[in-house]
PDB file of N, CA and C in Angstrom:
ATOM      1  N   UNK A   1      14.197  -1.897  -7.155  1.00  0.00           N
ATOM      2  CA  UNK A   1      13.509  -1.627  -5.921  1.00  0.00           C
ATOM      3  C   UNK A   1      12.251  -2.485  -5.897  1.00  0.00           C
ATOM      4  N   UNK A   2      11.996  -3.122  -4.778  1.00  0.00           N
ATOM      5  CA  UNK A   2      10.811  -3.965  -4.616  1.00  0.00           C
ATOM      6  C   UNK A   2       9.750  -3.198  -3.824  1.00  0.00           C
ATOM      7  N   UNK A   3       8.499  -3.296  -4.263  1.00  0.00           N
ATOM      8  CA  UNK A   3       7.375  -2.682  -3.563  1.00  0.00           C
ATOM      9  C   UNK A   3       6.350  -3.775  -3.283  1.00  0.00           C
ATOM     10  N   UNK A   4       5.878  -3.840  -2.041  1.00  0.00           N
ATOM     11  CA  UNK A   4       4.818  -4.760  -1.672  1.00  0.00           C
ATOM     12  C   UNK A   4       3.553  -4.404  -2.445  1.00  0.00           C
ATOM     13  N   UNK A   5       2.871  -5.413  -2.925  1.00  0.00           N
ATOM     14  CA  UNK A   5       1.664  -5.221  -3.741  1.00  0.00           C
ATOM     15  C   UNK A   5       0.528  -6.031  -3.133  1.00  0.00           C
ATOM     16  N   UNK A   6      -0.669  -5.457  -3.081  1.00  0.00           N
ATOM     17  CA  UNK A   6      -1.878  -6.172  -2.674  1.00  0.00           C
ATOM     18  C   UNK A   6      -2.807  -6.173  -3.878  1.00  0.00           C
ATOM     19  N   UNK A   7      -3.153  -7.356  -4.358  1.00  0.00           N
ATOM     20  CA  UNK A   7      -3.942  -7.463  -5.579  1.00  0.00           C
ATOM     21  C   UNK A   7      -5.019  -8.538  -5.413  1.00  0.00           C
ATOM     22  N   UNK A   8      -6.004  -8.512  -6.305  1.00  0.00           N
ATOM     23  CA  UNK A   8      -7.060  -9.517  -6.315  1.00  0.00           C
ATOM     24  C   UNK A   8      -6.693 -10.624  -7.289  1.00  0.00           C
ATOM     25  N   UNK A   9      -6.698 -11.868  -6.793  1.00  0.00           N
ATOM     26  CA  UNK A   9      -6.405 -13.017  -7.634  1.00  0.00           C
ATOM     27  C   UNK A   9      -7.647 -13.513  -8.355  1.00  0.00           C
ATOM     28  N   UNK A  10      -7.479 -14.513  -9.194  1.00  0.00           N
ATOM     29  CA  UNK A  10      -8.600 -15.109  -9.931  1.00  0.00           C
ATOM     30  C   UNK A  10      -9.632 -15.733  -9.005  1.00  0.00           C
ATOM     31  N   UNK A  11      -9.233 -16.019  -7.754  1.00  0.00           N
ATOM     32  CA  UNK A  11     -10.141 -16.613  -6.774  1.00  0.00           C
ATOM     33  C   UNK A  11     -11.002 -15.569  -6.057  1.00  0.00           C
ATOM     34  N   UNK A  12     -10.846 -14.272  -6.402  1.00  0.00           N
ATOM     35  CA  UNK A  12     -11.622 -13.205  -5.776  1.00  0.00           C
ATOM     36  C   UNK A  12     -11.076 -12.776  -4.428  1.00  0.00           C
ATOM     37  N   UNK A  13      -9.946 -13.339  -4.025  1.00  0.00           N
ATOM     38  CA  UNK A  13      -9.317 -12.993  -2.752  1.00  0.00           C
ATOM     39  C   UNK A  13      -8.120 -12.078  -2.995  1.00  0.00           C
ATOM     40  N   UNK A  14      -7.807 -11.283  -1.983  1.00  0.00           N
ATOM     41  CA  UNK A  14      -6.617 -10.445  -2.038  1.00  0.00           C
ATOM     42  C   UNK A  14      -5.399 -11.279  -1.687  1.00  0.00           C
ATOM     43  N   UNK A  15      -4.277 -10.920  -2.294  1.00  0.00           N
ATOM     44  CA  UNK A  15      -3.014 -11.618  -2.079  1.00  0.00           C
ATOM     45  C   UNK A  15      -1.891 -10.595  -2.000  1.00  0.00           C
ATOM     46  N   UNK A  16      -0.767 -11.016  -1.385  1.00  0.00           N
ATOM     47  CA  UNK A  16       0.441 -10.209  -1.401  1.00  0.00           C
ATOM     48  C   UNK A  16       1.303 -10.625  -2.589  1.00  0.00           C
ATOM     49  N   UNK A  17       1.983  -9.679  -3.150  1.00  0.00           N
ATOM     50  CA  UNK A  17       2.946  -9.932  -4.209  1.00  0.00           C
ATOM     51  C   UNK A  17       4.017  -8.865  -4.135  1.00  0.00           C
ATOM     52  N   UNK A  18       4.874  -8.852  -5.119  1.00  0.00           N
ATOM     53  CA  UNK A  18       5.921  -7.839  -5.204  1.00  0.00           C
ATOM     54  C   UNK A  18       5.929  -7.219  -6.580  1.00  0.00           C
ATOM     55  N   UNK A  19       6.176  -5.951  -6.611  1.00  0.00           N
ATOM     56  CA  UNK A  19       6.342  -5.217  -7.855  1.00  0.00           C
ATOM     57  C   UNK A  19       7.800  -4.792  -7.914  1.00  0.00           C
ATOM     58  N   UNK A  20       8.453  -5.066  -9.020  1.00  0.00           N
ATOM     59  CA  UNK A  20       9.847  -4.685  -9.186  1.00  0.00           C
ATOM     60  C   UNK A  20       9.906  -3.394  -9.995  1.00  0.00           C
ATOM     61  N   UNK A  21      10.381  -2.331  -9.375  1.00  0.00           N
ATOM     62  CA  UNK A  21      10.511  -1.041 -10.042  1.00  0.00           C
ATOM     63  C   UNK A  21      11.953  -0.912 -10.508  1.00  0.00           C
ATOM     64  N   UNK A  22      12.125  -0.789 -11.824  1.00  0.00           N
ATOM     65  CA  UNK A  22      13.466  -0.685 -12.392  1.00  0.00           C
ATOM     66  C   UNK A  22      14.052   0.696 -12.112  1.00  0.00           C
ATOM     67  N   UNK A  23      15.289   0.704 -11.645  1.00  0.00           N
ATOM     68  CA  UNK A  23      16.023   1.944 -11.401  1.00  0.00           C
ATOM     69  C   UNK A  23      17.227   1.983 -12.325  1.00  0.00           C
ATOM     70  N   UNK A  24      17.517   3.168 -12.841  1.00  0.00           N
ATOM     71  CA  UNK A  24      18.665   3.337 -13.727  1.00  0.00           C
ATOM     72  C   UNK A  24      19.573   4.422 -13.172  1.00  0.00           C
ATOM     73  N   UNK A  25      20.861   4.268 -13.443  1.00  0.00           N
ATOM     74  CA  UNK A  25      21.844   5.243 -12.993  1.00  0.00           C
ATOM     75  C   UNK A  25      21.492   6.625 -13.533  1.00  0.00           C
ATOM     76  N   UNK A  26      21.612   7.627 -12.650  1.00  0.00           N
ATOM     77  CA  UNK A  26      21.295   9.003 -13.035  1.00  0.00           C
ATOM     78  C   UNK A  26      22.390   9.955 -12.568  1.00  0.00           C
ATOM     79  N   UNK A  27      23.629   9.538 -12.734  1.00  0.00           N
ATOM     80  CA  UNK A  27      24.759  10.399 -12.386  1.00  0.00           C
ATOM     81  C   UNK A  27      24.874  10.639 -10.896  1.00  0.00           C
ATOM     82  N   UNK A  28      25.120  11.883 -10.534  1.00  0.00           N
ATOM     83  CA  UNK A  28      25.365  12.249  -9.136  1.00  0.00           C
ATOM     84  C   UNK A  28      24.146  12.109  -8.237  1.00  0.00           C
ATOM     85  N   UNK A  29      22.955  12.001  -8.808  1.00  0.00           N
ATOM     86  CA  UNK A  29      21.746  11.908  -7.973  1.00  0.00           C
ATOM     87  C   UNK A  29      21.397  10.467  -7.614  1.00  0.00           C
ATOM     88  N   UNK A  30      22.192   9.513  -8.034  1.00  0.00           N
ATOM     89  CA  UNK A  30      21.938   8.115  -7.691  1.00  0.00           C
ATOM     90  C   UNK A  30      21.220   7.378  -8.800  1.00  0.00           C
ATOM     91  N   UNK A  31      20.176   6.658  -8.453  1.00  0.00           N
ATOM     92  CA  UNK A  31      19.382   5.928  -9.441  1.00  0.00           C
ATOM     93  C   UNK A  31      17.940   6.405  -9.384  1.00  0.00           C
ATOM     94  N   UNK A  32      17.285   6.378 -10.534  1.00  0.00           N
ATOM     95  CA  UNK A  32      15.908   6.855 -10.643  1.00  0.00           C
ATOM     96  C   UNK A  32      15.074   5.852 -11.430  1.00  0.00           C
ATOM     97  N   UNK A  33      13.774   5.821 -11.118  1.00  0.00           N
ATOM     98  CA  UNK A  33      12.831   5.057 -11.932  1.00  0.00           C
ATOM     99  C   UNK A  33      12.353   5.953 -13.069  1.00  0.00           C
ATOM    100  N   UNK A  34      11.571   5.366 -13.944  1.00  0.00           N
ATOM    101  CA  UNK A  34      10.901   6.193 -14.959  1.00  0.00           C
ATOM    102  C   UNK A  34       9.850   7.054 -14.251  1.00  0.00           C
ATOM    103  N   UNK A  35       9.316   8.016 -14.950  1.00  0.00           N
ATOM    104  CA  UNK A  35       8.259   8.871 -14.422  1.00  0.00           C
ATOM    105  C   UNK A  35       6.933   8.133 -14.533  1.00  0.00           C
ATOM    106  N   UNK A  36       6.218   8.002 -13.422  1.00  0.00           N
ATOM    107  CA  UNK A  36       4.902   7.360 -13.419  1.00  0.00           C
ATOM    108  C   UNK A  36       3.824   8.425 -13.327  1.00  0.00           C
ATOM    109  N   UNK A  37       2.803   8.376 -14.190  1.00  0.00           N
ATOM    110  CA  UNK A  37       1.713   9.355 -14.100  1.00  0.00           C
ATOM    111  C   UNK A  37       0.837   9.061 -12.887  1.00  0.00           C
ATOM    112  N   UNK A  38       0.371  10.110 -12.220  1.00  0.00           N
ATOM    113  CA  UNK A  38      -0.525   9.963 -11.073  1.00  0.00           C
ATOM    114  C   UNK A  38      -1.719  10.885 -11.242  1.00  0.00           C
ATOM    115  N   UNK A  39      -2.801  10.551 -10.537  1.00  0.00           N
ATOM    116  CA  UNK A  39      -4.004  11.381 -10.593  1.00  0.00           C
ATOM    117  C   UNK A  39      -4.026  12.427  -9.492  1.00  0.00           C
ATOM    118  N   UNK A  40      -3.550  12.058  -8.311  1.00  0.00           N
ATOM    119  CA  UNK A  40      -3.608  12.993  -7.194  1.00  0.00           C
ATOM    120  C   UNK A  40      -2.919  12.429  -5.971  1.00  0.00           C
ATOM    121  N   UNK A  41      -3.023  13.198  -4.891  1.00  0.00           N
ATOM    122  CA  UNK A  41      -2.397  12.805  -3.633  1.00  0.00           C
ATOM    123  C   UNK A  41      -3.375  13.100  -2.495  1.00  0.00           C
ATOM    124  N   UNK A  42      -3.434  12.188  -1.543  1.00  0.00           N
ATOM    125  CA  UNK A  42      -4.321  12.324  -0.387  1.00  0.00           C
ATOM    126  C   UNK A  42      -3.471  12.181   0.866  1.00  0.00           C
ATOM    127  N   UNK A  43      -3.634  13.082   1.821  1.00  0.00           N
ATOM    128  CA  UNK A  43      -2.956  12.990   3.108  1.00  0.00           C
ATOM    129  C   UNK A  43      -3.955  12.429   4.118  1.00  0.00           C
ATOM    130  N   UNK A  44      -3.480  11.516   4.986  1.00  0.00           N
ATOM    131  CA  UNK A  44      -4.420  10.839   5.880  1.00  0.00           C
ATOM    132  C   UNK A  44      -3.810  10.658   7.260  1.00  0.00           C
ATOM    133  N   UNK A  45      -4.629  10.872   8.278  1.00  0.00           N
ATOM    134  CA  UNK A  45      -4.277  10.524   9.648  1.00  0.00           C
ATOM    135  C   UNK A  45      -5.308   9.518  10.139  1.00  0.00           C
ATOM    136  N   UNK A  46      -4.822   8.426  10.704  1.00  0.00           N
ATOM    137  CA  UNK A  46      -5.680   7.341  11.157  1.00  0.00           C
ATOM    138  C   UNK A  46      -5.454   7.155  12.657  1.00  0.00           C
ATOM    139  N   UNK A  47      -6.524   7.086  13.467  1.00  0.00           N
ATOM    140  CA  UNK A  47      -6.344   6.928  14.911  1.00  0.00           C
ATOM    141  C   UNK A  47      -5.805   5.538  15.276  1.00  0.00           C
ATOM    142  N   UNK A  48      -5.273   5.425  16.464  1.00  0.00           N
ATOM    143  CA  UNK A  48      -4.750   4.159  16.946  1.00  0.00           C
ATOM    144  C   UNK A  48      -5.809   3.091  17.146  1.00  0.00           C
ATOM    145  N   UNK A  49      -7.066   3.470  17.071  1.00  0.00           N
ATOM    146  CA  UNK A  49      -8.180   2.521  17.202  1.00  0.00           C
ATOM    147  C   UNK A  49      -8.622   1.959  15.854  1.00  0.00           C
ATOM    148  N   UNK A  50      -7.949   2.360  14.789  1.00  0.00           N
ATOM    149  CA  UNK A  50      -8.314   1.951  13.432  1.00  0.00           C
ATOM    150  C   UNK A  50      -8.301   0.435  13.298  1.00  0.00           C
ATOM    151  N   UNK A  51      -9.438  -0.143  12.884  1.00  0.00           N
ATOM    152  CA  UNK A  51      -9.571  -1.591  12.697  1.00  0.00           C
ATOM    153  C   UNK A  51     -10.686  -1.804  11.678  1.00  0.00           C
ATOM    154  N   UNK A  52     -10.315  -1.882  10.414  1.00  0.00           N
ATOM    155  CA  UNK A  52     -11.298  -1.959   9.335  1.00  0.00           C
ATOM    156  C   UNK A  52     -11.363  -3.377   8.794  1.00  0.00           C
ATOM    157  N   UNK A  53     -12.550  -3.990   8.868  1.00  0.00           N
ATOM    158  CA  UNK A  53     -12.749  -5.352   8.378  1.00  0.00           C
ATOM    159  C   UNK A  53     -12.552  -5.383   6.861  1.00  0.00           C
ATOM    160  N   UNK A  54     -12.792  -6.524   6.240  1.00  0.00           N
ATOM    161  CA  UNK A  54     -12.544  -6.683   4.803  1.00  0.00           C
ATOM    162  C   UNK A  54     -13.148  -5.533   3.999  1.00  0.00           C
ATOM    163  N   UNK A  55     -12.324  -4.952   3.155  1.00  0.00           N
ATOM    164  CA  UNK A  55     -12.728  -3.840   2.292  1.00  0.00           C
ATOM    165  C   UNK A  55     -11.795  -3.810   1.086  1.00  0.00           C
ATOM    166  N   UNK A  56     -12.238  -3.176   0.036  1.00  0.00           N
ATOM    167  CA  UNK A  56     -11.433  -3.028  -1.178  1.00  0.00           C
ATOM    168  C   UNK A  56     -10.721  -1.683  -1.176  1.00  0.00           C
ATOM    169  N   UNK A  57      -9.613  -1.632  -1.877  1.00  0.00           N
ATOM    170  CA  UNK A  57      -9.002  -0.342  -2.162  1.00  0.00           C
ATOM    171  C   UNK A  57      -9.975   0.405  -3.087  1.00  0.00           C
ATOM    172  N   UNK A  58     -10.243   1.686  -2.823  1.00  0.00           N
ATOM    173  CA  UNK A  58     -11.204   2.416  -3.654  1.00  0.00           C
ATOM    174  C   UNK A  58     -10.691   2.716  -5.061  1.00  0.00           C
ATOM    175  N   UNK A  59      -9.372   2.587  -5.242  1.00  0.00           N
ATOM    176  CA  UNK A  59      -8.712   2.863  -6.519  1.00  0.00           C
ATOM    177  C   UNK A  59      -7.297   2.303  -6.398  1.00  0.00           C
ATOM    178  N   UNK A  60      -6.598   2.214  -7.507  1.00  0.00           N
ATOM    179  CA  UNK A  60      -5.173   1.843  -7.430  1.00  0.00           C
ATOM    180  C   UNK A  60      -4.428   3.003  -6.774  1.00  0.00           C
ATOM    181  N   UNK A  61      -3.693   2.685  -5.711  1.00  0.00           N
ATOM    182  CA  UNK A  61      -2.998   3.744  -5.006  1.00  0.00           C
ATOM    183  C   UNK A  61      -1.762   3.218  -4.296  1.00  0.00           C
ATOM    184  N   UNK A  62      -0.747   4.038  -4.289  1.00  0.00           N
ATOM    185  CA  UNK A  62       0.475   3.757  -3.563  1.00  0.00           C
ATOM    186  C   UNK A  62       0.313   4.398  -2.188  1.00  0.00           C
ATOM    187  N   UNK A  63       0.463   3.601  -1.131  1.00  0.00           N
ATOM    188  CA  UNK A  63       0.290   4.088   0.231  1.00  0.00           C
ATOM    189  C   UNK A  63       1.668   4.158   0.886  1.00  0.00           C
ATOM    190  N   UNK A  64       2.031   5.339   1.352  1.00  0.00           N
ATOM    191  CA  UNK A  64       3.342   5.568   1.961  1.00  0.00           C
ATOM    192  C   UNK A  64       3.119   5.963   3.416  1.00  0.00           C
ATOM    193  N   UNK A  65       3.642   5.160   4.331  1.00  0.00           N
ATOM    194  CA  UNK A  65       3.527   5.470   5.759  1.00  0.00           C
ATOM    195  C   UNK A  65       4.606   6.467   6.153  1.00  0.00           C
ATOM    196  N   UNK A  66       4.196   7.531   6.799  1.00  0.00           N
ATOM    197  CA  UNK A  66       5.144   8.513   7.299  1.00  0.00           C
ATOM    198  C   UNK A  66       5.410   8.288   8.791  1.00  0.00           C
ATOM    199  N   UNK A  67       4.344   8.001   9.538  1.00  0.00           N
ATOM    200  CA  UNK A  67       4.434   7.789  10.988  1.00  0.00           C
ATOM    201  C   UNK A  67       3.467   6.688  11.361  1.00  0.00           C
ATOM    202  N   UNK A  68       3.877   5.809  12.250  1.00  0.00           N
ATOM    203  CA  UNK A  68       3.020   4.699  12.650  1.00  0.00           C
ATOM    204  C   UNK A  68       3.033   3.611  11.596  1.00  0.00           C
ATOM    205  N   UNK A  69       2.196   2.620  11.798  1.00  0.00           N
ATOM    206  CA  UNK A  69       2.164   1.502  10.864  1.00  0.00           C
ATOM    207  C   UNK A  69       0.772   0.920  10.731  1.00  0.00           C
ATOM    208  N   UNK A  70       0.662  -0.036   9.828  1.00  0.00           N
ATOM    209  CA  UNK A  70      -0.609  -0.706   9.579  1.00  0.00           C
ATOM    210  C   UNK A  70      -0.336  -2.196   9.386  1.00  0.00           C
ATOM    211  N   UNK A  71      -1.228  -3.023   9.918  1.00  0.00           N
ATOM    212  CA  UNK A  71      -1.180  -4.451   9.648  1.00  0.00           C
ATOM    213  C   UNK A  71      -2.235  -4.754   8.599  1.00  0.00           C
ATOM    214  N   UNK A  72      -1.834  -5.433   7.542  1.00  0.00           N
ATOM    215  CA  UNK A  72      -2.738  -5.819   6.457  1.00  0.00           C
ATOM    216  C   UNK A  72      -2.898  -7.335   6.488  1.00  0.00           C
ATOM    217  N   UNK A  73      -4.155  -7.801   6.412  1.00  0.00           N
ATOM    218  CA  UNK A  73      -4.459  -9.227   6.331  1.00  0.00           C
ATOM    219  C   UNK A  73      -5.197  -9.463   5.019  1.00  0.00           C
ATOM    220  N   UNK A  74      -4.715 -10.432   4.222  1.00  0.00           N
ATOM    221  CA  UNK A  74      -5.350 -10.750   2.940  1.00  0.00           C
ATOM    222  C   UNK A  74      -6.174 -12.025   3.066  1.00  0.00           C
ATOM    223  N   UNK A  75      -6.830 -12.407   1.977  1.00  0.00           N
ATOM    224  CA  UNK A  75      -7.805 -13.493   1.961  1.00  0.00           C
ATOM    225  C   UNK A  75      -7.338 -14.835   2.477  1.00  0.00           C
ATOM    226  N   UNK A  76      -6.060 -15.177   2.282  1.00  0.00           N
ATOM    227  CA  UNK A  76      -5.585 -16.485   2.755  1.00  0.00           C
ATOM    228  C   UNK A  76      -5.114 -16.445   4.204  1.00  0.00           C
ATOM    229  N   UNK A  77      -5.301 -15.298   4.880  1.00  0.00           N
ATOM    230  CA  UNK A  77      -4.898 -15.165   6.271  1.00  0.00           C
ATOM    231  C   UNK A  77      -3.491 -14.635   6.471  1.00  0.00           C
ATOM    232  N   UNK A  78      -2.728 -14.491   5.377  1.00  0.00           N
ATOM    233  CA  UNK A  78      -1.378 -13.925   5.491  1.00  0.00           C
ATOM    234  C   UNK A  78      -1.476 -12.490   5.960  1.00  0.00           C
ATOM    235  N   UNK A  79      -0.520 -12.081   6.762  1.00  0.00           N
ATOM    236  CA  UNK A  79      -0.526 -10.709   7.275  1.00  0.00           C
ATOM    237  C   UNK A  79       0.863 -10.104   7.169  1.00  0.00           C
ATOM    238  N   UNK A  80       0.879  -8.818   6.960  1.00  0.00           N
ATOM    239  CA  UNK A  80       2.137  -8.071   6.883  1.00  0.00           C
ATOM    240  C   UNK A  80       1.971  -6.793   7.695  1.00  0.00           C
ATOM    241  N   UNK A  81       3.047  -6.385   8.319  1.00  0.00           N
ATOM    242  CA  UNK A  81       3.099  -5.098   9.013  1.00  0.00           C
ATOM    243  C   UNK A  81       3.926  -4.138   8.168  1.00  0.00           C
ATOM    244  N   UNK A  82       3.346  -2.991   7.878  1.00  0.00           N
ATOM    245  CA  UNK A  82       4.025  -1.972   7.090  1.00  0.00           C
ATOM    246  C   UNK A  82       4.274  -0.800   8.031  1.00  0.00           C
ATOM    247  N   UNK A  83       5.544  -0.511   8.283  1.00  0.00           N
ATOM    248  CA  UNK A  83       5.914   0.499   9.266  1.00  0.00           C
ATOM    249  C   UNK A  83       6.209   1.848   8.663  1.00  0.00           C
ATOM    250  N   UNK A  84       6.680   2.784   9.509  1.00  0.00           N
ATOM    251  CA  UNK A  84       7.018   4.123   9.025  1.00  0.00           C
ATOM    252  C   UNK A  84       8.137   4.070   7.987  1.00  0.00           C
ATOM    253  N   UNK A  85       7.969   4.835   6.923  1.00  0.00           N
ATOM    254  CA  UNK A  85       8.957   4.860   5.855  1.00  0.00           C
ATOM    255  C   UNK A  85       8.766   3.752   4.832  1.00  0.00           C
ATOM    256  N   UNK A  86       7.782   2.875   5.051  1.00  0.00           N
ATOM    257  CA  UNK A  86       7.510   1.796   4.103  1.00  0.00           C
ATOM    258  C   UNK A  86       6.274   2.128   3.279  1.00  0.00           C
ATOM    259  N   UNK A  87       6.124   1.417   2.168  1.00  0.00           N
ATOM    260  CA  UNK A  87       4.994   1.679   1.273  1.00  0.00           C
ATOM    261  C   UNK A  87       4.478   0.379   0.676  1.00  0.00           C
ATOM    262  N   UNK A  88       3.260   0.468   0.130  1.00  0.00           N
ATOM    263  CA  UNK A  88       2.685  -0.666  -0.595  1.00  0.00           C
ATOM    264  C   UNK A  88       1.748  -0.151  -1.667  1.00  0.00           C
ATOM    265  N   UNK A  89       1.557  -0.976  -2.682  1.00  0.00           N
ATOM    266  CA  UNK A  89       0.632  -0.663  -3.767  1.00  0.00           C
ATOM    267  C   UNK A  89      -0.658  -1.416  -3.508  1.00  0.00           C
ATOM    268  N   UNK A  90      -1.750  -0.690  -3.282  1.00  0.00           N
ATOM    269  CA  UNK A  90      -3.067  -1.293  -3.065  1.00  0.00           C
ATOM    270  C   UNK A  90      -3.822  -1.266  -4.386  1.00  0.00           C
ATOM    271  N   UNK A  91      -4.084  -2.461  -4.923  1.00  0.00           N
ATOM    272  CA  UNK A  91      -4.843  -2.520  -6.175  1.00  0.00           C
ATOM    273  C   UNK A  91      -5.855  -3.656  -6.152  1.00  0.00           C
ATOM    274  N   UNK A  92      -6.312  -4.029  -4.958  1.00  0.00           N
ATOM    275  CA  UNK A  92      -7.370  -5.041  -4.833  1.00  0.00           C
ATOM    276  C   UNK A  92      -8.724  -4.324  -4.823  1.00  0.00           C
ATOM    277  N   UNK A  93      -9.071  -3.780  -5.963  1.00  0.00           N
ATOM    278  CA  UNK A  93     -10.289  -2.969  -6.100  1.00  0.00           C
ATOM    279  C   UNK A  93     -11.550  -3.806  -6.325  1.00  0.00           C
ATOM    280  N   UNK A  94     -11.400  -5.116  -6.397  1.00  0.00           N
ATOM    281  CA  UNK A  94     -12.553  -6.014  -6.548  1.00  0.00           C
ATOM    282  C   UNK A  94     -12.342  -7.209  -5.620  1.00  0.00           C
ATOM    283  N   UNK A  95     -13.323  -8.085  -5.558  1.00  0.00           N
ATOM    284  CA  UNK A  95     -13.223  -9.251  -4.685  1.00  0.00           C
ATOM    285  C   UNK A  95     -13.533  -8.894  -3.247  1.00  0.00           C
ATOM    286  N   UNK A  96     -13.057  -9.737  -2.318  1.00  0.00           N
ATOM    287  CA  UNK A  96     -13.366  -9.553  -0.895  1.00  0.00           C
ATOM    288  C   UNK A  96     -12.544  -8.445  -0.257  1.00  0.00           C
ATOM    289  N   UNK A  97     -11.369  -8.173  -0.783  1.00  0.00           N
ATOM    290  CA  UNK A  97     -10.554  -7.107  -0.222  1.00  0.00           C
ATOM    291  C   UNK A  97      -9.627  -7.591   0.874  1.00  0.00           C
ATOM    292  N   UNK A  98      -9.222  -6.674   1.734  1.00  0.00           N
ATOM    293  CA  UNK A  98      -8.253  -6.944   2.791  1.00  0.00           C
ATOM    294  C   UNK A  98      -8.709  -6.280   4.091  1.00  0.00           C
ATOM    295  N   UNK A  99      -8.107  -6.695   5.187  1.00  0.00           N
ATOM    296  CA  UNK A  99      -8.322  -6.075   6.495  1.00  0.00           C
ATOM    297  C   UNK A  99      -7.143  -5.152   6.751  1.00  0.00           C
ATOM    298  N   UNK A 100      -7.387  -4.006   7.356  1.00  0.00           N
ATOM    299  CA  UNK A 100      -6.280  -3.156   7.785  1.00  0.00           C
ATOM    300  C   UNK A 100      -6.572  -2.652   9.192  1.00  0.00           C
ATOM    301  N   UNK A 101      -5.510  -2.628  10.024  1.00  0.00           N
ATOM    302  CA  UNK A 101      -5.683  -2.196  11.407  1.00  0.00           C
ATOM    303  C   UNK A 101      -4.413  -1.534  11.918  1.00  0.00           C
ATOM    304  N   UNK A 102      -4.606  -0.678  12.917  1.00  0.00           N
ATOM    305  CA  UNK A 102      -3.480   0.007  13.549  1.00  0.00           C
ATOM    306  C   UNK A 102      -2.580  -1.012  14.246  1.00  0.00           C
ATOM    307  N   UNK A 103      -1.319  -0.675  14.380  1.00  0.00           N
ATOM    308  CA  UNK A 103      -0.352  -1.507  15.099  1.00  0.00           C
ATOM    309  C   UNK A 103      -0.124  -0.892  16.475  1.00  0.00           C
ATOM    310  N   UNK A 104      -0.264  -1.703  17.504  1.00  0.00           N
ATOM    311  CA  UNK A 104      -0.002  -1.284  18.889  1.00  0.00           C
ATOM    312  C   UNK A 104      -0.798  -0.050  19.287  1.00  0.00           C
ATOM    313  N   UNK A 105      -1.975   0.110  18.730  1.00  0.00           N
ATOM    314  CA  UNK A 105      -2.882   1.226  19.033  1.00  0.00           C
ATOM    315  C   UNK A 105      -2.212   2.589  18.845  1.00  0.00           C
ATOM    316  N   UNK A 106      -1.310   2.662  17.874  1.00  0.00           N
ATOM    317  CA  UNK A 106      -0.629   3.918  17.572  1.00  0.00           C
ATOM    318  C   UNK A 106      -1.265   4.581  16.353  1.00  0.00           C
ATOM    319  N   UNK A 107      -1.443   5.896  16.383  1.00  0.00           N
ATOM    320  CA  UNK A 107      -1.968   6.591  15.198  1.00  0.00           C
ATOM    321  C   UNK A 107      -0.985   6.497  14.046  1.00  0.00           C
ATOM    322  N   UNK A 108      -1.494   6.723  12.839  1.00  0.00           N
ATOM    323  CA  UNK A 108      -0.665   6.627  11.636  1.00  0.00           C
ATOM    324  C   UNK A 108      -0.905   7.841  10.757  1.00  0.00           C
ATOM    325  N   UNK A 109       0.159   8.347  10.185  1.00  0.00           N
ATOM    326  CA  UNK A 109       0.090   9.401   9.175  1.00  0.00           C
ATOM    327  C   UNK A 109       0.599   8.794   7.883  1.00  0.00           C
ATOM    328  N   UNK A 110      -0.168   8.954   6.813  1.00  0.00           N
ATOM    329  CA  UNK A 110       0.217   8.345   5.540  1.00  0.00           C
ATOM    330  C   UNK A 110      -0.169   9.238   4.376  1.00  0.00           C
ATOM    331  N   UNK A 111       0.418   8.919   3.238  1.00  0.00           N
ATOM    332  CA  UNK A 111       0.141   9.623   1.995  1.00  0.00           C
ATOM    333  C   UNK A 111      -0.339   8.587   0.987  1.00  0.00           C
ATOM    334  N   UNK A 112      -1.442   8.875   0.307  1.00  0.00           N
ATOM    335  CA  UNK A 112      -1.971   8.012  -0.744  1.00  0.00           C
ATOM    336  C   UNK A 112      -1.726   8.717  -2.073  1.00  0.00           C
ATOM    337  N   UNK A 113      -0.980   8.075  -2.944  1.00  0.00           N
ATOM    338  CA  UNK A 113      -0.728   8.604  -4.281  1.00  0.00           C
ATOM    339  C   UNK A 113      -1.623   7.820  -5.231  1.00  0.00           C
ATOM    340  N   UNK A 114      -2.655   8.470  -5.748  1.00  0.00           N
ATOM    341  CA  UNK A 114      -3.624   7.772  -6.604  1.00  0.00           C
ATOM    342  C   UNK A 114      -3.076   7.660  -8.015  1.00  0.00           C
ATOM    343  N   UNK A 115      -3.219   6.453  -8.578  1.00  0.00           N
ATOM    344  CA  UNK A 115      -2.608   6.134  -9.857  1.00  0.00           C
ATOM    345  C   UNK A 115      -3.633   6.063 -10.976  1.00  0.00           C
ATOM    346  N   UNK A 116      -3.159   6.234 -12.202  1.00  0.00           N
ATOM    347  CA  UNK A 116      -4.011   6.036 -13.370  1.00  0.00           C
ATOM    348  C   UNK A 116      -4.384   4.554 -13.450  1.00  0.00           C
ATOM    349  N   UNK A 117      -5.519   4.277 -14.032  1.00  0.00           N
ATOM    350  CA  UNK A 117      -5.964   2.874 -14.174  1.00  0.00           C
ATOM    351  C   UNK A 117      -5.153   2.110 -15.191  1.00  0.00           C
TER     352      UNK A 117
END
């Protein structure tokens, strides 16, 4: 399984990458990853007017969109739209950070799963 990743490069800018999560056969339940330790979970609702200039992720966290979407812009100007049912790993906790904004002025409901360092 591939997960979009936002990280800080050696240049101090945020970049997009991919994280490959290994899945193994688990009988009748399909395939599963290993168990990952987490610190907590945060539920968030963001208005359709959400438009946050460059900022860092406050911690390593997996962001899962439940409703609505977000456009992320990283340091080199690349942008990605993450829609409902999609997720990304935010770990650009240093450097200039990234921009995030609502898509089509629609509100978003998301879950942040905070990870161990």
